[in-house]
Amino acid sequence: MVEIPHPRTVFEFDHGEAVERAFLSALDRGRLHHAWLLVGPEGVGKATFAYRAARRLLGASPTPALGLLGARPEDPVSRQIVAHAHPDLTVLQRESLDGKARRVIPVDEARGLPEFFAKSPASASYRVAIIDSADDLNANAANAVLKTLEEPPERGVVFLVSHAPGGLLPTIRSRCRRLRFTPPPVESGVAWLATRAVAEETDARRLLAMAHGAPGRAWRLSVTGALEADDEARALLASLPKTDDMAMSALAESFRHPAGGEKFDLFFNRLADKIHDRVIDAARQGGGRGLDAWVEVWEYVTALPRSVEAVNLDRADAFLSALGRLRAIA
């Protein structure tokens, strides 16, 4: 499987001129805000920008060939960041240093921000924190971050990545300067995916549609089996109310495998999108019998992966339960 690079190791940034120009304008005018909220769909370069801005603030030499905030991978600052070794950078994220994904950003790490910013920069002009993403902060962790934002650190800058800023505390949003990131034109996204081995144009367009135009998200979907999951979800809905019992049992069992959690989430994401499209089409045609039931099953399917994770339900049993609901209303 192709491994998606972490944003700290990415040194190119297509279609980012507008947000980088806004950031540099504030920096050059001496009006750099202490907190930047980076908002937009997942996969449009928010975390990539955060690391690019961090390299600039931490003293990496500008490299115009790699964009307005470009820096060479060989620059000592770049090397330190890639190695998690820069003393003036701290990162809060769900993924731990050993690569394991956690459910949320631990509150203890969020509570460490005041101590981090209380120290003077060790080797740079600033101390920088990246929170990727702020959506992964639980209530206690969010309040811990808020305390840092309420007392702006001298020579300190915080970058908060958010795919859904409406879910953040209003007090966090109000203390940040917002930079909005948007997907590039579809043709640019197709071309970008082609350079990353998503060769078939039809596949690239399907993936971009699934990712709502976000190239980074489309690339991640391409290597996690999204096209196969999309085909399986389409086939299931097309076969209702009768389904192949053996095929459904095999699909259910595949969710019990060690890698079944990611496949389960991906399958239900695709299934929810297709049910949503069906509901929208029916509503545009005046509704009709059974529309309310389809809305209810869409809500159920959308929430199911999170419910399964929260209480550690058996994924195969959860799938068969959802299948029963779909058969009942088809």
Foldseek 3Di string as FASTA:
>chain_A
DDDDDDLLQDQAAPPCQVLLVVQVVCVVVVNHAQEEEEEAAPQQCQVNVQNLVVCVQFPADDDPVRPPSGHDCPTPSSVCSVVVHQLQEEEFEQQDPVGDGHQAGDLVSLLCVVVSLVDQHDRGQAREYEYVAPVRHDPNSLVSNLVCLVPRRDRHHYYHYDHCCVPHDPSVVVSHHYDYGYADPLVVLLVVVCVVVPPDSVLSSVLCVLSVRRSRSSNVCVVLCLVVLLVVLVVLLVCAPDDDPVVLLVLLVCLQDPPNLSVLLSNLSNNLVVLVVVLVVCVVVPNDPLSVLSVVLSVVSNCVSVVCVVVVNRSSVSSVVSSVSSNVRD
